[in-house]
């Protein structure tokens, strides 16, 4: 509460905290661009954002129709745009590609945080599967929902969980990058 003597309210405090967090993400404005070609740079940007969001999940709750434009936020935006500049996209497309990538990162980071929280609940994924398996067998059945039965079983076996946020993060990012590459071609 003593911080409110320095800032007008919670929104302002959150904006300052967010800006401070983003200000420290990159060493300089060209750090992402030095990661390699535009695809490698976007993997670097996605990875850096994943690290920050999974380490500081409170950032996932900070949403605003209009972004707080502090120096840290603006520096982050510039750093993340630079690798896409000059590859053949319009300015609107550059912003849209970055927004798409960052949205994907935030969504999978949120899933990761939820997964970690669920595992701390005292019930392991294996225990959860044993609890829901009898119900799933009654509801799914090969003749009722054959595709979801097959796919869900394969995913559960592969990851020993209902989902693997890290896999979804990597797979989704590669699909996005492939789509951008196809658009450039």
N, C-alpha and C. Protein backbone atom coordinates (compact mmCIF):
# COMPACT_ATOMS: atom_id res chain seq x y z
N UNK A 1 0.81 -1.20 0.00
CA UNK A 1 0.00 0.00 0.00
C UNK A 1 0.86 1.27 0.00
N UNK A 2 2.06 1.16 0.56
CA UNK A 2 2.90 2.36 0.60
C UNK A 2 3.29 2.84 -0.80
N UNK A 3 3.25 1.94 -1.79
CA UNK A 3 3.56 2.34 -3.17
C UNK A 3 2.54 3.31 -3.73
N UNK A 4 1.31 3.24 -3.23
CA UNK A 4 0.27 4.12 -3.76
C UNK A 4 0.51 5.58 -3.38
N UNK A 5 1.47 5.83 -2.52
CA UNK A 5 1.87 7.21 -2.24
C UNK A 5 2.67 7.79 -3.39
N UNK A 6 3.18 6.90 -4.26
CA UNK A 6 4.01 7.34 -5.39
C UNK A 6 3.31 7.25 -6.73
N UNK A 7 2.29 6.42 -6.82
CA UNK A 7 1.53 6.28 -8.07
C UNK A 7 0.04 6.44 -7.76
N UNK A 8 -0.74 6.92 -8.73
CA UNK A 8 -2.16 7.20 -8.48
C UNK A 8 -3.01 5.97 -8.15
N UNK A 9 -2.71 4.80 -8.73
CA UNK A 9 -3.57 3.65 -8.48
C UNK A 9 -2.98 2.36 -8.99
N UNK A 10 -3.76 1.30 -8.87
CA UNK A 10 -3.31 -0.04 -9.25
C UNK A 10 -2.94 -0.14 -10.73
N UNK A 11 -3.75 0.44 -11.60
CA UNK A 11 -3.45 0.38 -13.03
C UNK A 11 -2.11 1.01 -13.36
N UNK A 12 -1.84 2.14 -12.71
CA UNK A 12 -0.56 2.83 -12.95
C UNK A 12 0.60 2.00 -12.41
N UNK A 13 0.40 1.40 -11.25
CA UNK A 13 1.45 0.56 -10.66
C UNK A 13 1.72 -0.65 -11.55
N UNK A 14 0.65 -1.27 -12.05
CA UNK A 14 0.80 -2.43 -12.94
C UNK A 14 1.53 -2.03 -14.22
N UNK A 15 1.19 -0.86 -14.76
CA UNK A 15 1.86 -0.38 -15.98
C UNK A 15 3.35 -0.17 -15.72
N UNK A 16 3.69 0.39 -14.58
CA UNK A 16 5.11 0.60 -14.26
C UNK A 16 5.85 -0.73 -14.06
N UNK A 17 5.20 -1.68 -13.39
CA UNK A 17 5.80 -3.00 -13.18
C UNK A 17 6.02 -3.71 -14.51
N UNK A 18 5.01 -3.65 -15.38
CA UNK A 18 5.11 -4.29 -16.70
C UNK A 18 6.22 -3.65 -17.51
N UNK A 19 6.27 -2.34 -17.51
CA UNK A 19 7.30 -1.64 -18.27
C UNK A 19 8.69 -2.00 -17.75
N UNK A 20 8.84 -2.08 -16.45
CA UNK A 20 10.15 -2.44 -15.87
C UNK A 20 10.53 -3.86 -16.26
N UNK A 21 9.58 -4.77 -16.27
CA UNK A 21 9.86 -6.15 -16.64
C UNK A 21 10.30 -6.23 -18.10
N UNK A 22 9.58 -5.55 -18.98
CA UNK A 22 9.91 -5.59 -20.40
C UNK A 22 11.20 -4.83 -20.72
N UNK A 23 11.51 -3.83 -19.93
CA UNK A 23 12.74 -3.06 -20.17
C UNK A 23 13.98 -3.94 -20.05
N UNK A 24 13.92 -4.98 -19.23
CA UNK A 24 15.07 -5.85 -19.03
C UNK A 24 15.13 -7.08 -19.90
N UNK A 25 14.22 -7.21 -20.84
CA UNK A 25 14.17 -8.42 -21.66
C UNK A 25 15.33 -8.55 -22.64
N UNK A 26 15.77 -7.44 -23.18
CA UNK A 26 16.81 -7.48 -24.22
C UNK A 26 17.94 -6.53 -23.84
N UNK A 27 19.15 -6.94 -24.18
CA UNK A 27 20.32 -6.12 -23.88
C UNK A 27 20.41 -4.87 -24.74
N UNK A 28 20.01 -5.00 -25.99
CA UNK A 28 20.01 -3.84 -26.90
C UNK A 28 18.97 -4.07 -27.98
N UNK A 29 18.73 -3.05 -28.77
CA UNK A 29 17.66 -3.08 -29.76
C UNK A 29 17.88 -4.10 -30.89
N UNK A 30 19.10 -4.55 -31.09
CA UNK A 30 19.39 -5.50 -32.17
C UNK A 30 19.64 -6.93 -31.67
N UNK A 31 19.42 -7.18 -30.39
CA UNK A 31 19.70 -8.51 -29.85
C UNK A 31 18.93 -9.60 -30.59
N UNK A 32 17.65 -9.39 -30.82
CA UNK A 32 16.85 -10.40 -31.52
C UNK A 32 17.31 -10.57 -32.96
N UNK A 33 17.61 -9.46 -33.62
CA UNK A 33 18.03 -9.51 -35.02
C UNK A 33 19.35 -10.27 -35.18
N UNK A 34 20.19 -10.24 -34.17
CA UNK A 34 21.48 -10.95 -34.24
C UNK A 34 21.33 -12.46 -34.03
N UNK A 35 20.14 -12.92 -33.70
CA UNK A 35 19.93 -14.35 -33.44
C UNK A 35 20.02 -15.18 -34.72
N UNK A 36 19.98 -14.55 -35.87
CA UNK A 36 20.05 -15.27 -37.14
C UNK A 36 19.09 -14.66 -38.14
N UNK A 37 18.64 -15.48 -39.09
CA UNK A 37 17.68 -14.97 -40.06
C UNK A 37 16.37 -14.65 -39.33
N UNK A 38 15.37 -14.17 -40.06
CA UNK A 38 14.14 -13.73 -39.42
C UNK A 38 13.46 -14.86 -38.65
N UNK A 39 13.55 -16.09 -39.17
CA UNK A 39 12.92 -17.22 -38.47
C UNK A 39 13.62 -17.49 -37.15
N UNK A 40 14.94 -17.54 -37.17
CA UNK A 40 15.69 -17.75 -35.93
C UNK A 40 15.43 -16.62 -34.94
N UNK A 41 15.36 -15.41 -35.47
CA UNK A 41 15.09 -14.26 -34.61
C UNK A 41 13.71 -14.37 -33.96
N UNK A 42 12.71 -14.81 -34.71
CA UNK A 42 11.37 -14.96 -34.14
C UNK A 42 11.32 -16.11 -33.13
N UNK A 43 12.09 -17.15 -33.36
CA UNK A 43 12.20 -18.22 -32.36
C UNK A 43 12.82 -17.66 -31.08
N UNK A 44 13.84 -16.82 -31.25
CA UNK A 44 14.49 -16.18 -30.11
C UNK A 44 13.50 -15.28 -29.36
N UNK A 45 12.76 -14.46 -30.08
CA UNK A 45 11.77 -13.58 -29.47
C UNK A 45 10.71 -14.40 -28.74
N UNK A 46 10.21 -15.44 -29.39
CA UNK A 46 9.19 -16.29 -28.77
C UNK A 46 9.75 -16.95 -27.50
N UNK A 47 10.97 -17.45 -27.58
CA UNK A 47 11.58 -18.09 -26.42
C UNK A 47 11.79 -17.13 -25.27
N UNK A 48 12.24 -15.94 -25.58
CA UNK A 48 12.45 -14.93 -24.53
C UNK A 48 11.13 -14.56 -23.86
N UNK A 49 10.08 -14.38 -24.67
CA UNK A 49 8.77 -14.07 -24.10
C UNK A 49 8.23 -15.23 -23.28
N UNK A 50 8.44 -16.46 -23.75
CA UNK A 50 8.02 -17.65 -23.00
C UNK A 50 8.70 -17.66 -21.63
N UNK A 51 9.99 -17.43 -21.61
CA UNK A 51 10.74 -17.41 -20.35
C UNK A 51 10.18 -16.37 -19.39
N UNK A 52 9.95 -15.17 -19.88
CA UNK A 52 9.45 -14.09 -19.02
C UNK A 52 8.04 -14.41 -18.52
N UNK A 53 7.17 -14.87 -19.40
CA UNK A 53 5.78 -15.12 -19.01
C UNK A 53 5.64 -16.32 -18.08
N UNK A 54 6.45 -17.35 -18.26
CA UNK A 54 6.34 -18.51 -17.37
C UNK A 54 7.03 -18.24 -16.03
N UNK A 55 8.00 -17.35 -16.02
CA UNK A 55 8.67 -16.98 -14.77
C UNK A 55 7.86 -15.95 -14.00
N UNK A 56 7.12 -15.12 -14.71
CA UNK A 56 6.32 -14.05 -14.10
C UNK A 56 4.88 -14.13 -14.63
N UNK A 57 4.13 -15.16 -14.22
CA UNK A 57 2.79 -15.37 -14.80
C UNK A 57 1.81 -14.23 -14.54
N UNK A 58 2.08 -13.35 -13.61
CA UNK A 58 1.19 -12.21 -13.40
C UNK A 58 1.09 -11.36 -14.66
N UNK A 59 2.13 -11.39 -15.51
CA UNK A 59 2.09 -10.63 -16.76
C UNK A 59 0.97 -11.13 -17.68
N UNK A 60 0.61 -12.40 -17.55
CA UNK A 60 -0.45 -12.96 -18.40
C UNK A 60 -1.82 -12.36 -18.07
N UNK A 61 -1.96 -11.82 -16.87
CA UNK A 61 -3.23 -11.23 -16.46
C UNK A 61 -3.32 -9.75 -16.84
N UNK A 62 -2.21 -9.17 -17.28
CA UNK A 62 -2.19 -7.76 -17.64
C UNK A 62 -2.66 -7.63 -19.08
N UNK A 63 -3.88 -7.18 -19.24
CA UNK A 63 -4.45 -7.02 -20.58
C UNK A 63 -5.09 -5.65 -20.67
N UNK A 64 -4.89 -5.03 -21.79
CA UNK A 64 -5.47 -3.72 -21.99
C UNK A 64 -5.76 -3.54 -23.48
N UNK A 65 -6.86 -2.90 -23.79
CA UNK A 65 -7.17 -2.63 -25.19
C UNK A 65 -6.14 -1.68 -25.78
N UNK A 66 -5.60 -0.82 -24.94
CA UNK A 66 -4.55 0.11 -25.36
C UNK A 66 -3.31 -0.18 -24.52
N UNK A 67 -2.22 -0.53 -25.16
CA UNK A 67 -1.03 -0.88 -24.38
C UNK A 67 -0.45 0.34 -23.66
N UNK A 68 0.13 0.08 -22.50
CA UNK A 68 0.86 1.13 -21.80
C UNK A 68 2.17 1.32 -22.54
N UNK A 69 2.43 2.53 -22.98
CA UNK A 69 3.56 2.78 -23.86
C UNK A 69 4.72 3.42 -23.10
N UNK A 70 5.22 2.70 -22.12
CA UNK A 70 6.40 3.16 -21.40
C UNK A 70 7.65 2.85 -22.21
N UNK A 71 8.79 3.36 -21.78
CA UNK A 71 10.02 3.15 -22.54
C UNK A 71 10.41 1.67 -22.65
N UNK A 72 10.14 0.87 -21.65
CA UNK A 72 10.47 -0.56 -21.71
C UNK A 72 9.61 -1.29 -22.72
N UNK A 73 8.32 -0.98 -22.74
CA UNK A 73 7.40 -1.61 -23.69
C UNK A 73 7.78 -1.20 -25.12
N UNK A 74 8.08 0.08 -25.32
CA UNK A 74 8.44 0.54 -26.66
C UNK A 74 9.76 -0.05 -27.12
N UNK A 75 10.71 -0.21 -26.22
CA UNK A 75 12.01 -0.82 -26.54
C UNK A 75 11.82 -2.29 -26.93
N UNK A 76 10.98 -3.00 -26.19
CA UNK A 76 10.67 -4.40 -26.50
C UNK A 76 10.05 -4.51 -27.89
N UNK A 77 9.09 -3.65 -28.19
CA UNK A 77 8.40 -3.65 -29.49
C UNK A 77 9.40 -3.41 -30.62
N UNK A 78 10.26 -2.42 -30.47
CA UNK A 78 11.26 -2.12 -31.49
C UNK A 78 12.20 -3.32 -31.70
N UNK A 79 12.66 -3.90 -30.61
CA UNK A 79 13.59 -5.03 -30.68
C UNK A 79 12.96 -6.21 -31.40
N UNK A 80 11.69 -6.45 -31.13
CA UNK A 80 11.01 -7.61 -31.71
C UNK A 80 10.56 -7.37 -33.15
N UNK A 81 10.38 -6.12 -33.54
CA UNK A 81 10.01 -5.81 -34.93
C UNK A 81 11.20 -5.86 -35.88
N UNK A 82 12.36 -5.47 -35.42
CA UNK A 82 13.52 -5.30 -36.30
C UNK A 82 13.84 -6.52 -37.16
N UNK A 83 13.78 -7.74 -36.64
CA UNK A 83 14.11 -8.89 -37.51
C UNK A 83 13.14 -9.08 -38.67
N UNK A 84 11.92 -8.54 -38.56
CA UNK A 84 10.91 -8.69 -39.61
C UNK A 84 10.97 -7.57 -40.63
N UNK A 85 11.67 -6.51 -40.29
CA UNK A 85 11.77 -5.36 -41.18
C UNK A 85 12.63 -5.71 -42.40
N UNK A 86 12.11 -5.44 -43.58
CA UNK A 86 12.89 -5.65 -44.79
C UNK A 86 12.84 -7.06 -45.37
N UNK A 87 11.96 -7.93 -44.85
CA UNK A 87 11.89 -9.29 -45.39
C UNK A 87 10.80 -9.45 -46.44
N UNK A 88 10.06 -8.37 -46.71
CA UNK A 88 9.03 -8.43 -47.74
C UNK A 88 7.61 -8.29 -47.24
N UNK A 89 7.44 -7.96 -45.99
CA UNK A 89 6.11 -7.74 -45.42
C UNK A 89 5.82 -6.25 -45.35
N UNK A 90 4.55 -5.90 -45.44
CA UNK A 90 4.16 -4.51 -45.22
C UNK A 90 4.27 -4.21 -43.73
N UNK A 91 4.22 -2.94 -43.38
CA UNK A 91 4.30 -2.57 -41.97
C UNK A 91 3.16 -3.19 -41.16
N UNK A 92 1.97 -3.22 -41.73
CA UNK A 92 0.83 -3.83 -41.04
C UNK A 92 1.07 -5.33 -40.87
N UNK A 93 1.60 -5.98 -41.90
CA UNK A 93 1.89 -7.41 -41.80
C UNK A 93 2.99 -7.69 -40.77
N UNK A 94 3.99 -6.83 -40.70
CA UNK A 94 5.05 -7.00 -39.69
C UNK A 94 4.44 -6.99 -38.30
N UNK A 95 3.61 -6.00 -38.02
CA UNK A 95 2.96 -5.92 -36.71
C UNK A 95 2.05 -7.13 -36.48
N UNK A 96 1.34 -7.54 -37.52
CA UNK A 96 0.42 -8.68 -37.39
C UNK A 96 1.17 -9.99 -37.11
N UNK A 97 2.30 -10.19 -37.78
CA UNK A 97 3.10 -11.40 -37.53
C UNK A 97 3.60 -11.41 -36.09
N UNK A 98 4.13 -10.28 -35.63
CA UNK A 98 4.61 -10.22 -34.25
C UNK A 98 3.47 -10.44 -33.26
N UNK A 99 2.32 -9.82 -33.53
CA UNK A 99 1.16 -9.99 -32.65
C UNK A 99 0.71 -11.45 -32.62
N UNK A 100 0.70 -12.11 -33.77
CA UNK A 100 0.32 -13.52 -33.84
C UNK A 100 1.28 -14.39 -33.03
N UNK A 101 2.57 -14.16 -33.18
CA UNK A 101 3.57 -14.93 -32.44
C UNK A 101 3.44 -14.69 -30.95
N UNK A 102 3.33 -13.44 -30.55
CA UNK A 102 3.24 -13.13 -29.12
C UNK A 102 1.94 -13.65 -28.52
N UNK A 103 0.86 -13.63 -29.29
CA UNK A 103 -0.40 -14.21 -28.82
C UNK A 103 -0.28 -15.71 -28.61
N UNK A 104 0.39 -16.38 -29.55
CA UNK A 104 0.62 -17.82 -29.41
C UNK A 104 1.47 -18.10 -28.17
N UNK A 105 2.50 -17.33 -27.98
CA UNK A 105 3.37 -17.51 -26.80
C UNK A 105 2.57 -17.32 -25.52
N UNK A 106 1.78 -16.26 -25.44
CA UNK A 106 1.00 -15.99 -24.23
C UNK A 106 0.00 -17.11 -23.96
N UNK A 107 -0.66 -17.59 -25.00
CA UNK A 107 -1.65 -18.65 -24.81
C UNK A 107 -1.00 -19.94 -24.31
N UNK A 108 0.12 -20.32 -24.91
CA UNK A 108 0.76 -21.56 -24.47
C UNK A 108 1.44 -21.38 -23.12
N UNK A 109 1.94 -20.19 -22.83
CA UNK A 109 2.51 -19.93 -21.50
C UNK A 109 1.42 -20.03 -20.44
N UNK A 110 0.23 -19.52 -20.75
CA UNK A 110 -0.90 -19.62 -19.82
C UNK A 110 -1.24 -21.09 -19.57
N UNK A 111 -1.26 -21.89 -20.63
CA UNK A 111 -1.53 -23.32 -20.49
C UNK A 111 -0.45 -23.98 -19.64
N UNK A 112 0.81 -23.61 -19.85
CA UNK A 112 1.92 -24.15 -19.06
C UNK A 112 1.75 -23.81 -17.58
N UNK A 113 1.43 -22.56 -17.29
CA UNK A 113 1.26 -22.13 -15.90
C UNK A 113 0.10 -22.90 -15.25
N UNK A 114 -1.00 -23.08 -15.99
CA UNK A 114 -2.14 -23.84 -15.46
C UNK A 114 -1.76 -25.29 -15.21
N UNK A 115 -0.95 -25.84 -16.12
CA UNK A 115 -0.49 -27.23 -15.96
C UNK A 115 0.38 -27.36 -14.71
N UNK A 116 1.30 -26.45 -14.51
CA UNK A 116 2.17 -26.47 -13.33
C UNK A 116 1.33 -26.33 -12.06
N UNK A 117 0.36 -25.42 -12.09
CA UNK A 117 -0.50 -25.21 -10.93
C UNK A 117 -1.31 -26.47 -10.63
N UNK A 118 -1.84 -27.11 -11.67
CA UNK A 118 -2.62 -28.34 -11.47
C UNK A 118 -1.76 -29.44 -10.87
N UNK A 119 -0.52 -29.54 -11.30
CA UNK A 119 0.36 -30.58 -10.75
C UNK A 119 0.75 -30.31 -9.31
N UNK A 120 0.65 -29.06 -8.88
CA UNK A 120 0.94 -28.73 -7.47
C UNK A 120 -0.26 -29.01 -6.58
N UNK A 121 -1.40 -29.35 -7.18
CA UNK A 121 -2.64 -29.53 -6.42
C UNK A 121 -2.61 -30.80 -5.57
N UNK A 122 -1.62 -31.62 -5.76
CA UNK A 122 -1.54 -32.86 -5.00
C UNK A 122 -1.94 -34.08 -5.81
N UNK A 123 -2.50 -33.88 -7.00
CA UNK A 123 -2.88 -34.99 -7.86
C UNK A 123 -1.98 -34.96 -9.09
N UNK A 124 -1.23 -36.02 -9.29
CA UNK A 124 -0.35 -36.10 -10.45
C UNK A 124 -1.19 -36.33 -11.71
N UNK A 125 -0.57 -36.14 -12.87
CA UNK A 125 -1.27 -36.41 -14.12
C UNK A 125 -1.70 -37.87 -14.20
N UNK A 126 -0.84 -38.76 -13.74
CA UNK A 126 -1.15 -40.19 -13.76
C UNK A 126 -2.38 -40.48 -12.89
N UNK A 127 -2.44 -39.88 -11.71
CA UNK A 127 -3.60 -40.09 -10.83
C UNK A 127 -4.86 -39.51 -11.47
N UNK A 128 -4.72 -38.35 -12.12
CA UNK A 128 -5.86 -37.73 -12.77
C UNK A 128 -6.38 -38.63 -13.88
N UNK A 129 -5.45 -39.19 -14.70
CA UNK A 129 -5.87 -40.08 -15.78
C UNK A 129 -6.60 -41.30 -15.23
N UNK A 130 -6.07 -41.88 -14.16
CA UNK A 130 -6.74 -43.06 -13.58
C UNK A 130 -8.13 -42.71 -13.07
N UNK A 131 -8.33 -41.49 -12.61
CA UNK A 131 -9.63 -41.06 -12.10
C UNK A 131 -10.63 -40.85 -13.24
N UNK A 132 -10.19 -40.24 -14.33
CA UNK A 132 -11.13 -39.93 -15.41
C UNK A 132 -11.25 -41.03 -16.46
N UNK A 133 -10.33 -41.97 -16.47
CA UNK A 133 -10.33 -43.02 -17.50
C UNK A 133 -11.66 -43.79 -17.56
N UNK A 134 -12.22 -44.24 -16.44
CA UNK A 134 -13.48 -44.98 -16.54
C UNK A 134 -14.61 -44.18 -17.18
N UNK A 135 -14.67 -42.90 -16.87
CA UNK A 135 -15.71 -42.04 -17.46
C UNK A 135 -15.45 -41.87 -18.95
N UNK A 136 -14.20 -41.62 -19.31
CA UNK A 136 -13.86 -41.46 -20.73
C UNK A 136 -14.20 -42.72 -21.52
N UNK A 137 -13.92 -43.87 -20.96
CA UNK A 137 -14.21 -45.12 -21.67
C UNK A 137 -15.71 -45.27 -21.93
N UNK A 138 -16.53 -44.84 -20.99
CA UNK A 138 -17.98 -44.91 -21.18
C UNK A 138 -18.46 -43.91 -22.22
N UNK A 139 -17.93 -42.72 -22.19
CA UNK A 139 -18.41 -41.65 -23.05
C UNK A 139 -17.83 -41.74 -24.46
N UNK A 140 -16.53 -42.01 -24.55
CA UNK A 140 -15.85 -41.94 -25.84
C UNK A 140 -16.18 -43.16 -26.69
N UNK A 141 -15.68 -44.30 -26.35
CA UNK A 141 -15.94 -45.51 -27.12
C UNK A 141 -15.66 -45.34 -28.60
N UNK A 142 -15.09 -46.33 -29.21
CA UNK A 142 -14.71 -46.24 -30.61
C UNK A 142 -15.89 -45.96 -31.53
N UNK A 143 -17.07 -46.50 -31.23
CA UNK A 143 -18.20 -46.30 -32.12
C UNK A 143 -18.88 -44.95 -31.92
N UNK A 144 -18.69 -44.30 -30.78
CA UNK A 144 -19.33 -43.01 -30.52
C UNK A 144 -18.49 -41.84 -31.01
N UNK A 145 -17.26 -41.76 -30.56
CA UNK A 145 -16.36 -40.65 -30.89
C UNK A 145 -15.00 -41.20 -31.31
N UNK A 146 -14.96 -41.87 -32.47
CA UNK A 146 -13.75 -42.60 -32.84
C UNK A 146 -12.51 -41.73 -33.05
N UNK A 147 -12.65 -40.56 -33.64
CA UNK A 147 -11.47 -39.73 -33.91
C UNK A 147 -10.93 -39.16 -32.61
N UNK A 148 -11.80 -38.59 -31.78
CA UNK A 148 -11.32 -38.03 -30.52
C UNK A 148 -10.81 -39.11 -29.59
N UNK A 149 -11.38 -40.31 -29.64
CA UNK A 149 -10.87 -41.43 -28.83
C UNK A 149 -9.45 -41.78 -29.26
N UNK A 150 -9.23 -41.90 -30.56
CA UNK A 150 -7.91 -42.25 -31.08
C UNK A 150 -6.88 -41.15 -30.81
N UNK A 151 -7.23 -39.91 -31.16
CA UNK A 151 -6.29 -38.80 -31.01
C UNK A 151 -6.01 -38.54 -29.53
N UNK A 152 -7.04 -38.47 -28.73
CA UNK A 152 -6.86 -38.23 -27.29
C UNK A 152 -6.01 -39.30 -26.63
N UNK A 153 -6.24 -40.55 -27.00
CA UNK A 153 -5.44 -41.65 -26.45
C UNK A 153 -3.98 -41.53 -26.86
N UNK A 154 -3.75 -41.18 -28.13
CA UNK A 154 -2.38 -41.03 -28.62
C UNK A 154 -1.65 -39.90 -27.90
N UNK A 155 -2.32 -38.76 -27.75
CA UNK A 155 -1.72 -37.62 -27.05
C UNK A 155 -1.45 -37.98 -25.59
N UNK A 156 -2.41 -38.60 -24.94
CA UNK A 156 -2.23 -39.00 -23.54
C UNK A 156 -1.06 -39.95 -23.37
N UNK A 157 -0.94 -40.91 -24.27
CA UNK A 157 0.17 -41.87 -24.21
C UNK A 157 1.50 -41.17 -24.48
N UNK A 158 1.52 -40.33 -25.50
CA UNK A 158 2.76 -39.65 -25.91
C UNK A 158 3.32 -38.75 -24.80
N UNK A 159 2.42 -37.96 -24.16
CA UNK A 159 2.88 -36.97 -23.20
C UNK A 159 2.60 -37.34 -21.75
N UNK A 160 1.89 -38.44 -21.54
CA UNK A 160 1.49 -38.83 -20.20
C UNK A 160 0.78 -37.67 -19.49
N UNK A 161 0.02 -36.94 -20.26
CA UNK A 161 -0.76 -35.79 -19.78
C UNK A 161 -1.80 -35.46 -20.84
N UNK A 162 -2.75 -34.62 -20.47
CA UNK A 162 -3.79 -34.22 -21.42
C UNK A 162 -3.22 -33.33 -22.52
N UNK A 163 -2.12 -32.66 -22.22
CA UNK A 163 -1.48 -31.78 -23.19
C UNK A 163 -0.03 -31.56 -22.78
N UNK A 164 0.77 -31.09 -23.70
CA UNK A 164 2.15 -30.73 -23.41
C UNK A 164 2.38 -29.30 -23.92
N UNK A 165 2.30 -28.33 -23.02
CA UNK A 165 2.41 -26.93 -23.44
C UNK A 165 3.70 -26.62 -24.21
N UNK A 166 4.80 -27.23 -23.84
CA UNK A 166 6.06 -26.98 -24.54
C UNK A 166 5.99 -27.47 -25.98
N UNK A 167 5.38 -28.64 -26.18
CA UNK A 167 5.20 -29.15 -27.54
C UNK A 167 4.29 -28.23 -28.34
N UNK A 168 3.17 -27.82 -27.74
CA UNK A 168 2.23 -26.94 -28.42
C UNK A 168 2.92 -25.63 -28.79
N UNK A 169 3.75 -25.11 -27.89
CA UNK A 169 4.49 -23.87 -28.13
C UNK A 169 5.39 -24.03 -29.36
N UNK A 170 6.21 -25.06 -29.37
CA UNK A 170 7.17 -25.27 -30.46
C UNK A 170 6.46 -25.58 -31.78
N UNK A 171 5.51 -26.50 -31.73
CA UNK A 171 4.78 -26.89 -32.95
C UNK A 171 4.04 -25.69 -33.53
N UNK A 172 3.31 -24.98 -32.69
CA UNK A 172 2.54 -23.83 -33.17
C UNK A 172 3.42 -22.75 -33.74
N UNK A 173 4.55 -22.48 -33.08
CA UNK A 173 5.47 -21.46 -33.59
C UNK A 173 5.99 -21.84 -34.97
N UNK A 174 6.36 -23.10 -35.16
CA UNK A 174 6.86 -23.54 -36.47
C UNK A 174 5.78 -23.42 -37.55
N UNK A 175 4.53 -23.73 -37.20
CA UNK A 175 3.44 -23.59 -38.17
C UNK A 175 3.25 -22.11 -38.54
N UNK A 176 3.32 -21.23 -37.55
CA UNK A 176 3.21 -19.79 -37.83
C UNK A 176 4.34 -19.35 -38.75
N UNK A 177 5.56 -19.74 -38.42
CA UNK A 177 6.71 -19.33 -39.22
C UNK A 177 6.62 -19.89 -40.65
N UNK A 178 6.15 -21.14 -40.77
CA UNK A 178 5.96 -21.71 -42.10
C UNK A 178 4.91 -20.91 -42.89
N UNK A 179 3.87 -20.47 -42.21
CA UNK A 179 2.84 -19.66 -42.87
C UNK A 179 3.38 -18.33 -43.34
N UNK A 180 4.20 -17.69 -42.51
CA UNK A 180 4.82 -16.42 -42.93
C UNK A 180 5.74 -16.66 -44.11
N UNK A 181 6.52 -17.76 -44.07
CA UNK A 181 7.42 -18.07 -45.18
C UNK A 181 6.63 -18.30 -46.47
N UNK A 182 5.51 -19.00 -46.36
CA UNK A 182 4.67 -19.22 -47.54
C UNK A 182 4.13 -17.91 -48.08
N UNK A 183 3.77 -17.02 -47.20
CA UNK A 183 3.27 -15.70 -47.63
C UNK A 183 4.37 -14.92 -48.35
N UNK A 184 5.61 -15.03 -47.86
CA UNK A 184 6.73 -14.33 -48.49
C UNK A 184 7.02 -14.92 -49.86
N UNK A 185 6.83 -16.22 -50.00
CA UNK A 185 7.10 -16.88 -51.27
C UNK A 185 6.00 -16.58 -52.26
